[in-house]
Amino acid sequence: MKINNIRKVLYTVSKILGDVNAVKKGKVGKRVGRRAAGKGTGKMLQKLFK
């Protein structure tokens, strides 16, 4: 197994655990908003540094 595959699995698991934690604490809306903002920022930066 390559290191990239291990990293991908770990990030996926941490994302799921973060979602579960947000549901428990009742902060799903904040999490969804932050994730959307992060994806938008990532796309803008990707275009900027292409």
PDB file of N, CA and C in Angstrom:
ATOM      1  N   MET A   1       0.845  -1.189   0.000  1.00  0.00           N
ATOM      2  CA  MET A   1       0.000   0.000   0.000  1.00  0.00           C
ATOM      3  C   MET A   1       0.889   1.250   0.000  1.00  0.00           C
ATOM      4  N   LYS A   2       0.583   2.171  -0.863  1.00  0.00           N
ATOM      5  CA  LYS A   2       1.393   3.378  -0.966  1.00  0.00           C
ATOM      6  C   LYS A   2       0.994   4.385   0.099  1.00  0.00           C
ATOM      7  N   ILE A   3       1.905   5.303   0.370  1.00  0.00           N
ATOM      8  CA  ILE A   3       1.658   6.317   1.402  1.00  0.00           C
ATOM      9  C   ILE A   3       0.487   7.216   1.028  1.00  0.00           C
ATOM     10  N   ASN A   4       0.318   7.471  -0.280  1.00  0.00           N
ATOM     11  CA  ASN A   4      -0.795   8.320  -0.718  1.00  0.00           C
ATOM     12  C   ASN A   4      -2.144   7.677  -0.430  1.00  0.00           C
ATOM     13  N   ASN A   5      -2.210   6.359  -0.589  1.00  0.00           N
ATOM     14  CA  ASN A   5      -3.458   5.649  -0.298  1.00  0.00           C
ATOM     15  C   ASN A   5      -3.780   5.700   1.187  1.00  0.00           C
ATOM     16  N   ILE A   6      -2.759   5.541   2.009  1.00  0.00           N
ATOM     17  CA  ILE A   6      -2.953   5.600   3.461  1.00  0.00           C
ATOM     18  C   ILE A   6      -3.436   6.996   3.854  1.00  0.00           C
ATOM     19  N   ARG A   7      -2.801   8.018   3.290  1.00  0.00           N
ATOM     20  CA  ARG A   7      -3.177   9.403   3.586  1.00  0.00           C
ATOM     21  C   ARG A   7      -4.623   9.673   3.178  1.00  0.00           C
ATOM     22  N   LYS A   8      -5.008   9.173   2.006  1.00  0.00           N
ATOM     23  CA  LYS A   8      -6.373   9.373   1.515  1.00  0.00           C
ATOM     24  C   LYS A   8      -7.400   8.741   2.467  1.00  0.00           C
ATOM     25  N   VAL A   9      -7.095   7.536   2.918  1.00  0.00           N
ATOM     26  CA  VAL A   9      -7.995   6.836   3.843  1.00  0.00           C
ATOM     27  C   VAL A   9      -8.093   7.601   5.156  1.00  0.00           C
ATOM     28  N   LEU A  10      -6.965   8.063   5.671  1.00  0.00           N
ATOM     29  CA  LEU A  10      -6.974   8.788   6.944  1.00  0.00           C
ATOM     30  C   LEU A  10      -7.767  10.094   6.841  1.00  0.00           C
ATOM     31  N   TYR A  11      -7.587  10.837   5.747  1.00  0.00           N
ATOM     32  CA  TYR A  11      -8.340  12.081   5.566  1.00  0.00           C
ATOM     33  C   TYR A  11      -9.830  11.800   5.447  1.00  0.00           C
ATOM     34  N   THR A  12     -10.194  10.743   4.740  1.00  0.00           N
ATOM     35  CA  THR A  12     -11.606  10.388   4.593  1.00  0.00           C
ATOM     36  C   THR A  12     -12.223  10.041   5.938  1.00  0.00           C
ATOM     37  N   VAL A  13     -11.500   9.254   6.726  1.00  0.00           N
ATOM     38  CA  VAL A  13     -12.001   8.861   8.053  1.00  0.00           C
ATOM     39  C   VAL A  13     -12.149  10.094   8.943  1.00  0.00           C
ATOM     40  N   SER A  14     -11.163  10.998   8.890  1.00  0.00           N
ATOM     41  CA  SER A  14     -11.242  12.189   9.740  1.00  0.00           C
ATOM     42  C   SER A  14     -12.393  13.089   9.319  1.00  0.00           C
ATOM     43  N   LYS A  15     -12.681  13.148   8.011  1.00  0.00           N
ATOM     44  CA  LYS A  15     -13.805  13.955   7.529  1.00  0.00           C
ATOM     45  C   LYS A  15     -15.130  13.383   8.050  1.00  0.00           C
ATOM     46  N   ILE A  16     -15.248  12.070   8.009  1.00  0.00           N
ATOM     47  CA  ILE A  16     -16.471  11.410   8.495  1.00  0.00           C
ATOM     48  C   ILE A  16     -16.619  11.623   9.997  1.00  0.00           C
ATOM     49  N   LEU A  17     -15.526  11.490  10.739  1.00  0.00           N
ATOM     50  CA  LEU A  17     -15.582  11.693  12.187  1.00  0.00           C
ATOM     51  C   LEU A  17     -15.956  13.147  12.516  1.00  0.00           C
ATOM     52  N   GLY A  18     -15.467  14.086  11.731  1.00  0.00           N
ATOM     53  CA  GLY A  18     -15.826  15.484  11.921  1.00  0.00           C
ATOM     54  C   GLY A  18     -17.300  15.715  11.675  1.00  0.00           C
ATOM     55  N   ASP A  19     -17.853  15.044  10.662  1.00  0.00           N
ATOM     56  CA  ASP A  19     -19.282  15.154  10.375  1.00  0.00           C
ATOM     57  C   ASP A  19     -20.110  14.599  11.532  1.00  0.00           C
ATOM     58  N   VAL A  20     -19.699  13.459  12.041  1.00  0.00           N
ATOM     59  CA  VAL A  20     -20.413  12.832  13.158  1.00  0.00           C
ATOM     60  C   VAL A  20     -20.362  13.748  14.379  1.00  0.00           C
ATOM     61  N   ASN A  21     -19.202  14.322  14.638  1.00  0.00           N
ATOM     62  CA  ASN A  21     -19.038  15.224  15.771  1.00  0.00           C
ATOM     63  C   ASN A  21     -19.922  16.461  15.621  1.00  0.00           C
ATOM     64  N   ALA A  22     -20.015  17.003  14.405  1.00  0.00           N
ATOM     65  CA  ALA A  22     -20.851  18.175  14.149  1.00  0.00           C
ATOM     66  C   ALA A  22     -22.321  17.857  14.387  1.00  0.00           C
ATOM     67  N   VAL A  23     -22.741  16.666  13.995  1.00  0.00           N
ATOM     68  CA  VAL A  23     -24.133  16.263  14.211  1.00  0.00           C
ATOM     69  C   VAL A  23     -24.416  16.159  15.707  1.00  0.00           C
ATOM     70  N   LYS A  24     -23.476  15.576  16.455  1.00  0.00           N
ATOM     71  CA  LYS A  24     -23.656  15.440  17.899  1.00  0.00           C
ATOM     72  C   LYS A  24     -23.783  16.796  18.582  1.00  0.00           C
ATOM     73  N   LYS A  25     -22.967  17.757  18.144  1.00  0.00           N
ATOM     74  CA  LYS A  25     -22.959  19.072  18.779  1.00  0.00           C
ATOM     75  C   LYS A  25     -23.998  20.018  18.192  1.00  0.00           C
ATOM     76  N   GLY A  26     -24.662  19.597  17.109  1.00  0.00           N
ATOM     77  CA  GLY A  26     -25.690  20.427  16.484  1.00  0.00           C
ATOM     78  C   GLY A  26     -25.118  21.593  15.690  1.00  0.00           C
ATOM     79  N   LYS A  27     -23.939  21.410  15.112  1.00  0.00           N
ATOM     80  CA  LYS A  27     -23.303  22.494  14.361  1.00  0.00           C
ATOM     81  C   LYS A  27     -23.084  22.098  12.905  1.00  0.00           C
ATOM     82  N   VAL A  28     -24.083  21.414  12.343  1.00  0.00           N
ATOM     83  CA  VAL A  28     -23.964  20.926  10.975  1.00  0.00           C
ATOM     84  C   VAL A  28     -23.943  22.088   9.987  1.00  0.00           C
ATOM     85  N   GLY A  29     -24.788  23.091  10.207  1.00  0.00           N
ATOM     86  CA  GLY A  29     -24.863  24.235   9.295  1.00  0.00           C
ATOM     87  C   GLY A  29     -23.538  24.957   9.168  1.00  0.00           C
ATOM     88  N   LYS A  30     -22.877  25.171  10.290  1.00  0.00           N
ATOM     89  CA  LYS A  30     -21.569  25.827  10.283  1.00  0.00           C
ATOM     90  C   LYS A  30     -20.576  25.006   9.482  1.00  0.00           C
ATOM     91  N   ARG A  31     -20.591  23.707   9.701  1.00  0.00           N
ATOM     92  CA  ARG A  31     -19.639  22.823   9.027  1.00  0.00           C
ATOM     93  C   ARG A  31     -19.867  22.821   7.516  1.00  0.00           C
ATOM     94  N   VAL A  32     -21.125  22.761   7.107  1.00  0.00           N
ATOM     95  CA  VAL A  32     -21.445  22.763   5.680  1.00  0.00           C
ATOM     96  C   VAL A  32     -20.988  24.070   5.045  1.00  0.00           C
ATOM     97  N   GLY A  33     -21.234  25.177   5.740  1.00  0.00           N
ATOM     98  CA  GLY A  33     -20.819  26.485   5.229  1.00  0.00           C
ATOM     99  C   GLY A  33     -19.316  26.597   5.092  1.00  0.00           C
ATOM    100  N   ARG A  34     -18.611  26.123   6.093  1.00  0.00           N
ATOM    101  CA  ARG A  34     -17.143  26.193   6.048  1.00  0.00           C
ATOM    102  C   ARG A  34     -16.585  25.299   4.957  1.00  0.00           C
ATOM    103  N   ARG A  35     -17.200  24.141   4.781  1.00  0.00           N
ATOM    104  CA  ARG A  35     -16.715  23.233   3.741  1.00  0.00           C
ATOM    105  C   ARG A  35     -16.941  23.827   2.356  1.00  0.00           C
ATOM    106  N   ALA A  36     -18.107  24.445   2.157  1.00  0.00           N
ATOM    107  CA  ALA A  36     -18.403  25.086   0.872  1.00  0.00           C
ATOM    108  C   ALA A  36     -17.436  26.241   0.620  1.00  0.00           C
ATOM    109  N   ALA A  37     -17.172  27.027   1.652  1.00  0.00           N
ATOM    110  CA  ALA A  37     -16.233  28.140   1.513  1.00  0.00           C
ATOM    111  C   ALA A  37     -14.834  27.629   1.187  1.00  0.00           C
ATOM    112  N   GLY A  38     -14.436  26.552   1.820  1.00  0.00           N
ATOM    113  CA  GLY A  38     -13.125  25.969   1.568  1.00  0.00           C
ATOM    114  C   GLY A  38     -12.987  25.448   0.150  1.00  0.00           C
ATOM    115  N   LYS A  39     -14.039  24.815  -0.358  1.00  0.00           N
ATOM    116  CA  LYS A  39     -13.996  24.305  -1.729  1.00  0.00           C
ATOM    117  C   LYS A  39     -13.934  25.462  -2.717  1.00  0.00           C
ATOM    118  N   GLY A  40     -14.709  26.500  -2.457  1.00  0.00           N
ATOM    119  CA  GLY A  40     -14.693  27.673  -3.331  1.00  0.00           C
ATOM    120  C   GLY A  40     -13.337  28.343  -3.357  1.00  0.00           C
ATOM    121  N   THR A  41     -12.745  28.500  -2.183  1.00  0.00           N
ATOM    122  CA  THR A  41     -11.413  29.109  -2.084  1.00  0.00           C
ATOM    123  C   THR A  41     -10.384  28.251  -2.806  1.00  0.00           C
ATOM    124  N   GLY A  42     -10.469  26.950  -2.634  1.00  0.00           N
ATOM    125  CA  GLY A  42      -9.545  26.042  -3.298  1.00  0.00           C
ATOM    126  C   GLY A  42      -9.628  26.141  -4.812  1.00  0.00           C
ATOM    127  N   LYS A  43     -10.849  26.253  -5.335  1.00  0.00           N
ATOM    128  CA  LYS A  43     -11.025  26.367  -6.780  1.00  0.00           C
ATOM    129  C   LYS A  43     -10.471  27.688  -7.296  1.00  0.00           C
ATOM    130  N   MET A  44     -10.700  28.762  -6.540  1.00  0.00           N
ATOM    131  CA  MET A  44     -10.172  30.069  -6.957  1.00  0.00           C
ATOM    132  C   MET A  44      -8.639  30.068  -6.973  1.00  0.00           C
ATOM    133  N   LEU A  45      -8.048  29.501  -5.937  1.00  0.00           N
ATOM    134  CA  LEU A  45      -6.586  29.440  -5.870  1.00  0.00           C
ATOM    135  C   LEU A  45      -6.013  28.552  -6.969  1.00  0.00           C
ATOM    136  N   GLN A  46      -6.728  27.496  -7.294  1.00  0.00           N
ATOM    137  CA  GLN A  46      -6.272  26.590  -8.340  1.00  0.00           C
ATOM    138  C   GLN A  46      -6.225  27.325  -9.684  1.00  0.00           C
ATOM    139  N   LYS A  47      -7.261  28.142  -9.967  1.00  0.00           N
ATOM    140  CA  LYS A  47      -7.280  28.913 -11.206  1.00  0.00           C
ATOM    141  C   LYS A  47      -6.197  29.970 -11.209  1.00  0.00           C
ATOM    142  N   LEU A  48      -5.945  30.562 -10.050  1.00  0.00           N
ATOM    143  CA  LEU A  48      -4.977  31.635  -9.942  1.00  0.00           C
ATOM    144  C   LEU A  48      -3.556  31.138 -10.200  1.00  0.00           C
ATOM    145  N   PHE A  49      -3.217  29.950  -9.720  1.00  0.00           N
ATOM    146  CA  PHE A  49      -1.863  29.436  -9.820  1.00  0.00           C
ATOM    147  C   PHE A  49      -1.686  28.388 -10.912  1.00  0.00           C
ATOM    148  N   LYS A  50      -2.551  28.374 -11.876  1.00  0.00           N
ATOM    149  CA  LYS A  50      -2.461  27.401 -12.965  1.00  0.00           C
ATOM    150  C   LYS A  50      -1.356  27.724 -13.922  1.00  0.00           C
TER     151      LYS A  50
END
